[in-house]
PDB file of N, CA and C in Angstrom:
ATOM      1  N   MET A   1       0.854  -1.173   0.000  1.00  0.00           N
ATOM      2  CA  MET A   1       0.000   0.000   0.000  1.00  0.00           C
ATOM      3  C   MET A   1       0.904   1.242   0.000  1.00  0.00           C
ATOM      4  N   THR A   2       0.581   2.212  -0.837  1.00  0.00           N
ATOM      5  CA  THR A   2       1.385   3.424  -0.929  1.00  0.00           C
ATOM      6  C   THR A   2       0.803   4.527  -0.067  1.00  0.00           C
ATOM      7  N   LEU A   3       1.579   5.589   0.101  1.00  0.00           N
ATOM      8  CA  LEU A   3       1.121   6.758   0.840  1.00  0.00           C
ATOM      9  C   LEU A   3      -0.192   7.265   0.275  1.00  0.00           C
ATOM     10  N   PHE A   4      -0.308   7.289  -1.043  1.00  0.00           N
ATOM     11  CA  PHE A   4      -1.482   7.857  -1.686  1.00  0.00           C
ATOM     12  C   PHE A   4      -2.725   6.994  -1.481  1.00  0.00           C
ATOM     13  N   GLU A   5      -2.541   5.703  -1.259  1.00  0.00           N
ATOM     14  CA  GLU A   5      -3.678   4.819  -1.009  1.00  0.00           C
ATOM     15  C   GLU A   5      -4.072   4.787   0.463  1.00  0.00           C
ATOM     16  N   SER A   6      -3.089   4.985   1.358  1.00  0.00           N
ATOM     17  CA  SER A   6      -3.353   4.807   2.778  1.00  0.00           C
ATOM     18  C   SER A   6      -3.627   6.098   3.536  1.00  0.00           C
ATOM     19  N   SER A   7      -3.253   7.241   2.992  1.00  0.00           N
ATOM     20  CA  SER A   7      -3.407   8.496   3.710  1.00  0.00           C
ATOM     21  C   SER A   7      -4.353   9.427   2.959  1.00  0.00           C
ATOM     22  N   PRO A   8      -5.542   9.668   3.504  1.00  0.00           N
ATOM     23  CA  PRO A   8      -6.495  10.503   2.782  1.00  0.00           C
ATOM     24  C   PRO A   8      -6.128  11.984   2.788  1.00  0.00           C
ATOM     25  N   LEU A   9      -5.229  12.414   3.675  1.00  0.00           N
ATOM     26  CA  LEU A   9      -4.849  13.817   3.772  1.00  0.00           C
ATOM     27  C   LEU A   9      -3.344  13.880   3.982  1.00  0.00           C
ATOM     28  N   TYR A  10      -2.631  14.583   3.099  1.00  0.00           N
ATOM     29  CA  TYR A  10      -1.182  14.655   3.225  1.00  0.00           C
ATOM     30  C   TYR A  10      -0.642  15.924   2.596  1.00  0.00           C
ATOM     31  N   TYR A  11       0.579  16.298   3.012  1.00  0.00           N
ATOM     32  CA  TYR A  11       1.294  17.420   2.428  1.00  0.00           C
ATOM     33  C   TYR A  11       2.180  16.891   1.322  1.00  0.00           C
ATOM     34  N   ALA A  12       2.319  17.655   0.242  1.00  0.00           N
ATOM     35  CA  ALA A  12       3.131  17.225  -0.889  1.00  0.00           C
ATOM     36  C   ALA A  12       3.721  18.448  -1.584  1.00  0.00           C
ATOM     37  N   THR A  13       4.663  18.177  -2.482  1.00  0.00           N
ATOM     38  CA  THR A  13       5.280  19.214  -3.310  1.00  0.00           C
ATOM     39  C   THR A  13       4.896  18.973  -4.760  1.00  0.00           C
ATOM     40  N   VAL A  14       4.464  20.019  -5.444  1.00  0.00           N
ATOM     41  CA  VAL A  14       4.121  19.922  -6.862  1.00  0.00           C
ATOM     42  C   VAL A  14       5.417  19.799  -7.663  1.00  0.00           C
ATOM     43  N   VAL A  15       5.528  18.737  -8.472  1.00  0.00           N
ATOM     44  CA  VAL A  15       6.735  18.527  -9.267  1.00  0.00           C
ATOM     45  C   VAL A  15       6.488  18.627 -10.767  1.00  0.00           C
ATOM     46  N   GLU A  16       5.236  18.590 -11.189  1.00  0.00           N
ATOM     47  CA  GLU A  16       4.907  18.668 -12.614  1.00  0.00           C
ATOM     48  C   GLU A  16       3.448  19.082 -12.750  1.00  0.00           C
ATOM     49  N   LEU A  17       3.140  19.816 -13.805  1.00  0.00           N
ATOM     50  CA  LEU A  17       1.762  20.227 -14.090  1.00  0.00           C
ATOM     51  C   LEU A  17       1.358  19.702 -15.456  1.00  0.00           C
ATOM     52  N   GLY A  18       0.071  19.423 -15.637  1.00  0.00           N
ATOM     53  CA  GLY A  18      -0.394  18.946 -16.929  1.00  0.00           C
ATOM     54  C   GLY A  18      -1.903  18.968 -17.029  1.00  0.00           C
ATOM     55  N   THR A  19      -2.399  18.507 -18.158  1.00  0.00           N
ATOM     56  CA  THR A  19      -3.841  18.369 -18.359  1.00  0.00           C
ATOM     57  C   THR A  19      -4.123  16.975 -18.916  1.00  0.00           C
ATOM     58  N   ASP A  20      -5.312  16.499 -18.646  1.00  0.00           N
ATOM     59  CA  ASP A  20      -5.745  15.204 -19.145  1.00  0.00           C
ATOM     60  C   ASP A  20      -7.242  15.292 -19.401  1.00  0.00           C
ATOM     61  N   HIS A  21      -7.643  15.142 -20.642  1.00  0.00           N
ATOM     62  CA  HIS A  21      -9.049  15.242 -21.028  1.00  0.00           C
ATOM     63  C   HIS A  21      -9.659  16.579 -20.580  1.00  0.00           C
ATOM     64  N   GLY A  22      -8.866  17.652 -20.660  1.00  0.00           N
ATOM     65  CA  GLY A  22      -9.352  18.983 -20.317  1.00  0.00           C
ATOM     66  C   GLY A  22      -9.318  19.317 -18.838  1.00  0.00           C
ATOM     67  N   LEU A  23      -8.878  18.404 -17.993  1.00  0.00           N
ATOM     68  CA  LEU A  23      -8.787  18.658 -16.554  1.00  0.00           C
ATOM     69  C   LEU A  23      -7.331  18.878 -16.162  1.00  0.00           C
ATOM     70  N   ARG A  24      -7.098  19.847 -15.279  1.00  0.00           N
ATOM     71  CA  ARG A  24      -5.741  20.155 -14.834  1.00  0.00           C
ATOM     72  C   ARG A  24      -5.350  19.236 -13.681  1.00  0.00           C
ATOM     73  N   PHE A  25      -4.095  18.789 -13.710  1.00  0.00           N
ATOM     74  CA  PHE A  25      -3.598  17.932 -12.647  1.00  0.00           C
ATOM     75  C   PHE A  25      -2.147  18.271 -12.347  1.00  0.00           C
ATOM     76  N   ALA A  26      -1.677  17.803 -11.202  1.00  0.00           N
ATOM     77  CA  ALA A  26      -0.278  17.956 -10.814  1.00  0.00           C
ATOM     78  C   ALA A  26       0.266  16.590 -10.420  1.00  0.00           C
ATOM     79  N   ARG A  27       1.523  16.361 -10.723  1.00  0.00           N
ATOM     80  CA  ARG A  27       2.222  15.237 -10.123  1.00  0.00           C
ATOM     81  C   ARG A  27       2.806  15.801  -8.838  1.00  0.00           C
ATOM     82  N   VAL A  28       2.582  15.094  -7.763  1.00  0.00           N
ATOM     83  CA  VAL A  28       3.025  15.567  -6.456  1.00  0.00           C
ATOM     84  C   VAL A  28       3.938  14.526  -5.818  1.00  0.00           C
ATOM     85  N   SER A  29       4.880  15.025  -5.017  1.00  0.00           N
ATOM     86  CA  SER A  29       5.824  14.176  -4.325  1.00  0.00           C
ATOM     87  C   SER A  29       5.590  14.295  -2.824  1.00  0.00           C
ATOM     88  N   ALA A  30       5.473  13.144  -2.161  1.00  0.00           N
ATOM     89  CA  ALA A  30       5.282  13.125  -0.710  1.00  0.00           C
ATOM     90  C   ALA A  30       5.957  11.882  -0.154  1.00  0.00           C
ATOM     91  N   GLY A  31       6.842  12.077   0.781  1.00  0.00           N
ATOM     92  CA  GLY A  31       7.500  10.939   1.415  1.00  0.00           C
ATOM     93  C   GLY A  31       8.262  10.059   0.442  1.00  0.00           C
ATOM     94  N   GLY A  32       8.783  10.644  -0.631  1.00  0.00           N
ATOM     95  CA  GLY A  32       9.537   9.879  -1.617  1.00  0.00           C
ATOM     96  C   GLY A  32       8.675   9.210  -2.676  1.00  0.00           C
ATOM     97  N   ALA A  33       7.366   9.304  -2.546  1.00  0.00           N
ATOM     98  CA  ALA A  33       6.448   8.717  -3.527  1.00  0.00           C
ATOM     99  C   ALA A  33       5.906   9.808  -4.441  1.00  0.00           C
ATOM    100  N   ILE A  34       5.613   9.443  -5.674  1.00  0.00           N
ATOM    101  CA  ILE A  34       5.043  10.373  -6.641  1.00  0.00           C
ATOM    102  C   ILE A  34       3.613   9.936  -6.930  1.00  0.00           C
ATOM    103  N   GLY A  35       2.686  10.889  -6.911  1.00  0.00           N
ATOM    104  CA  GLY A  35       1.293  10.598  -7.211  1.00  0.00           C
ATOM    105  C   GLY A  35       0.701  11.700  -8.073  1.00  0.00           C
ATOM    106  N   ARG A  36      -0.548  11.575  -8.382  1.00  0.00           N
ATOM    107  CA  ARG A  36      -1.236  12.530  -9.244  1.00  0.00           C
ATOM    108  C   ARG A  36      -2.441  13.069  -8.497  1.00  0.00           C
ATOM    109  N   ALA A  37      -2.675  14.390  -8.617  1.00  0.00           N
ATOM    110  CA  ALA A  37      -3.803  15.018  -7.931  1.00  0.00           C
ATOM    111  C   ALA A  37      -4.394  16.111  -8.814  1.00  0.00           C
ATOM    112  N   SER A  38      -5.683  16.277  -8.750  1.00  0.00           N
ATOM    113  CA  SER A  38      -6.377  17.327  -9.491  1.00  0.00           C
ATOM    114  C   SER A  38      -6.020  18.690  -8.909  1.00  0.00           C
ATOM    115  N   ILE A  39      -5.857  19.702  -9.792  1.00  0.00           N
ATOM    116  CA  ILE A  39      -5.634  21.072  -9.319  1.00  0.00           C
ATOM    117  C   ILE A  39      -6.786  21.983  -9.750  1.00  0.00           C
ATOM    118  N   GLU A  40      -7.939  21.400 -10.004  1.00  0.00           N
ATOM    119  CA  GLU A  40      -9.101  22.208 -10.382  1.00  0.00           C
ATOM    120  C   GLU A  40      -9.509  23.172  -9.269  1.00  0.00           C
ATOM    121  N   VAL A  41      -9.295  22.801  -8.001  1.00  0.00           N
ATOM    122  CA  VAL A  41      -9.646  23.660  -6.875  1.00  0.00           C
ATOM    123  C   VAL A  41      -8.612  24.776  -6.698  1.00  0.00           C
ATOM    124  N   LEU A  42      -7.358  24.519  -7.076  1.00  0.00           N
ATOM    125  CA  LEU A  42      -6.269  25.486  -6.938  1.00  0.00           C
ATOM    126  C   LEU A  42      -5.568  25.625  -8.293  1.00  0.00           C
ATOM    127  N   PRO A  43      -6.229  26.271  -9.261  1.00  0.00           N
ATOM    128  CA  PRO A  43      -5.712  26.300 -10.624  1.00  0.00           C
ATOM    129  C   PRO A  43      -4.401  27.064 -10.797  1.00  0.00           C
ATOM    130  N   ASP A  44      -4.031  27.916  -9.830  1.00  0.00           N
ATOM    131  CA  ASP A  44      -2.780  28.658  -9.956  1.00  0.00           C
ATOM    132  C   ASP A  44      -1.612  27.956  -9.264  1.00  0.00           C
ATOM    133  N   ALA A  45      -1.771  26.681  -8.948  1.00  0.00           N
ATOM    134  CA  ALA A  45      -0.675  25.910  -8.360  1.00  0.00           C
ATOM    135  C   ALA A  45       0.519  25.954  -9.307  1.00  0.00           C
ATOM    136  N   ALA A  46       1.712  25.993  -8.723  1.00  0.00           N
ATOM    137  CA  ALA A  46       2.936  26.079  -9.520  1.00  0.00           C
ATOM    138  C   ALA A  46       3.929  25.010  -9.056  1.00  0.00           C
ATOM    139  N   ILE A  47       4.839  24.663  -9.938  1.00  0.00           N
ATOM    140  CA  ILE A  47       5.885  23.704  -9.595  1.00  0.00           C
ATOM    141  C   ILE A  47       6.662  24.246  -8.403  1.00  0.00           C
ATOM    142  N   GLY A  48       6.876  23.394  -7.419  1.00  0.00           N
ATOM    143  CA  GLY A  48       7.589  23.777  -6.213  1.00  0.00           C
ATOM    144  C   GLY A  48       6.684  24.150  -5.056  1.00  0.00           C
ATOM    145  N   ASP A  49       5.404  24.374  -5.329  1.00  0.00           N
ATOM    146  CA  ASP A  49       4.463  24.705  -4.255  1.00  0.00           C
ATOM    147  C   ASP A  49       4.322  23.538  -3.287  1.00  0.00           C
ATOM    148  N   GLN A  50       4.229  23.867  -2.001  1.00  0.00           N
ATOM    149  CA  GLN A  50       3.864  22.896  -0.977  1.00  0.00           C
ATOM    150  C   GLN A  50       2.344  22.952  -0.884  1.00  0.00           C
ATOM    151  N   VAL A  51       1.686  21.801  -0.993  1.00  0.00           N
ATOM    152  CA  VAL A  51       0.229  21.774  -1.034  1.00  0.00           C
ATOM    153  C   VAL A  51      -0.334  20.726  -0.083  1.00  0.00           C
ATOM    154  N   LEU A  52      -1.604  20.891   0.241  1.00  0.00           N
ATOM    155  CA  LEU A  52      -2.355  19.932   1.040  1.00  0.00           C
ATOM    156  C   LEU A  52      -3.260  19.164   0.079  1.00  0.00           C
ATOM    157  N   VAL A  53      -3.175  17.842   0.116  1.00  0.00           N
ATOM    158  CA  VAL A  53      -3.922  16.988  -0.812  1.00  0.00           C
ATOM    159  C   VAL A  53      -4.869  16.100  -0.021  1.00  0.00           C
ATOM    160  N   HIS A  54      -6.106  15.987  -0.517  1.00  0.00           N
ATOM    161  CA  HIS A  54      -7.088  15.086   0.086  1.00  0.00           C
ATOM    162  C   HIS A  54      -7.855  14.388  -1.026  1.00  0.00           C
ATOM    163  N   ALA A  55      -7.924  13.078  -0.944  1.00  0.00           N
ATOM    164  CA  ALA A  55      -8.690  12.268  -1.890  1.00  0.00           C
ATOM    165  C   ALA A  55      -8.345  12.590  -3.340  1.00  0.00           C
ATOM    166  N   GLY A  56      -7.045  12.809  -3.608  1.00  0.00           N
ATOM    167  CA  GLY A  56      -6.604  13.057  -4.974  1.00  0.00           C
ATOM    168  C   GLY A  56      -6.854  14.458  -5.487  1.00  0.00           C
ATOM    169  N   VAL A  57      -7.161  15.400  -4.589  1.00  0.00           N
ATOM    170  CA  VAL A  57      -7.431  16.785  -4.980  1.00  0.00           C
ATOM    171  C   VAL A  57      -6.540  17.718  -4.173  1.00  0.00           C
ATOM    172  N   VAL A  58      -5.824  18.608  -4.856  1.00  0.00           N
ATOM    173  CA  VAL A  58      -5.038  19.634  -4.174  1.00  0.00           C
ATOM    174  C   VAL A  58      -6.030  20.653  -3.627  1.00  0.00           C
ATOM    175  N   LEU A  59      -6.026  20.826  -2.303  1.00  0.00           N
ATOM    176  CA  LEU A  59      -6.997  21.706  -1.653  1.00  0.00           C
ATOM    177  C   LEU A  59      -6.461  23.104  -1.399  1.00  0.00           C
ATOM    178  N   ALA A  60      -5.174  23.215  -1.047  1.00  0.00           N
ATOM    179  CA  ALA A  60      -4.639  24.512  -0.653  1.00  0.00           C
ATOM    180  C   ALA A  60      -3.123  24.514  -0.758  1.00  0.00           C
ATOM    181  N   ARG A  61      -2.582  25.694  -0.916  1.00  0.00           N
ATOM    182  CA  ARG A  61      -1.144  25.904  -0.847  1.00  0.00           C
ATOM    183  C   ARG A  61      -0.815  26.152   0.624  1.00  0.00           C
ATOM    184  N   VAL A  62       0.275  25.609   1.109  1.00  0.00           N
ATOM    185  CA  VAL A  62       0.675  25.805   2.500  1.00  0.00           C
ATOM    186  C   VAL A  62       2.057  26.437   2.533  1.00  0.00           C
ATOM    187  N   ALA A  63       2.355  27.099   3.644  1.00  0.00           N
ATOM    188  CA  ALA A  63       3.647  27.760   3.793  1.00  0.00           C
ATOM    189  C   ALA A  63       4.759  26.726   3.865  1.00  0.00           C
ATOM    190  N   LYS A  64       5.876  27.042   3.242  1.00  0.00           N
ATOM    191  CA  LYS A  64       7.041  26.179   3.337  1.00  0.00           C
ATOM    192  C   LYS A  64       7.645  26.325   4.726  1.00  0.00           C
ATOM    193  N   PRO A  65       8.217  25.261   5.271  1.00  0.00           N
ATOM    194  CA  PRO A  65       8.837  25.359   6.590  1.00  0.00           C
ATOM    195  C   PRO A  65       9.873  26.479   6.626  1.00  0.00           C
ATOM    196  N   GLY A  66       9.823  27.290   7.663  1.00  0.00           N
ATOM    197  CA  GLY A  66      10.769  28.392   7.803  1.00  0.00           C
ATOM    198  C   GLY A  66      10.353  29.669   7.106  1.00  0.00           C
ATOM    199  N   ALA A  67       9.261  29.632   6.346  1.00  0.00           N
ATOM    200  CA  ALA A  67       8.805  30.832   5.640  1.00  0.00           C
ATOM    201  C   ALA A  67       8.199  31.812   6.637  1.00  0.00           C
ATOM    202  N   GLU A  68       8.379  33.095   6.360  1.00  0.00           N
ATOM    203  CA  GLU A  68       7.785  34.104   7.237  1.00  0.00           C
ATOM    204  C   GLU A  68       6.279  34.123   7.022  1.00  0.00           C
ATOM    205  N   ARG A  69       5.549  34.242   8.116  1.00  0.00           N
ATOM    206  CA  ARG A  69       4.097  34.313   8.032  1.00  0.00           C
ATOM    207  C   ARG A  69       3.675  35.775   7.977  1.00  0.00           C
ATOM    208  N   PRO A  70       2.743  36.120   7.102  1.00  0.00           N
ATOM    209  CA  PRO A  70       2.286  37.505   7.050  1.00  0.00           C
ATOM    210  C   PRO A  70       1.537  37.873   8.335  1.00  0.00           C
ATOM    211  N   GLU A  71       1.651  39.126   8.731  1.00  0.00           N
ATOM    212  CA  GLU A  71       0.934  39.571   9.920  1.00  0.00           C
ATOM    213  C   GLU A  71      -0.532  39.760   9.595  1.00  0.00           C
ATOM    214  N   VAL A  72      -1.375  39.360  10.535  1.00  0.00           N
ATOM    215  CA  VAL A  72      -2.803  39.496  10.355  1.00  0.00           C
ATOM    216  C   VAL A  72      -3.243  40.760  11.078  1.00  0.00           C
ATOM    217  N   ALA A  73      -3.987  41.606  10.378  1.00  0.00           N
ATOM    218  CA  ALA A  73      -4.421  42.882  10.980  1.00  0.00           C
ATOM    219  C   ALA A  73      -5.590  42.690  11.895  1.00  0.00           C
TER     220      ALA A  73
END
């Protein structure tokens, strides 16, 4: 069983972008494994982005470790 089959929610890095039958997807890397996830929810995802993936869908971009957090007013 792979990470992508056993973990419904995980952090990953976008390593490639593409389309398939008109739908946008990303190849993502997590824990040394490569998988595929839809980026229809986050269409501006870019290579190198750290993202949160659930059920094969990229849900959000997350801050990279050590990145400065913007101040909230």
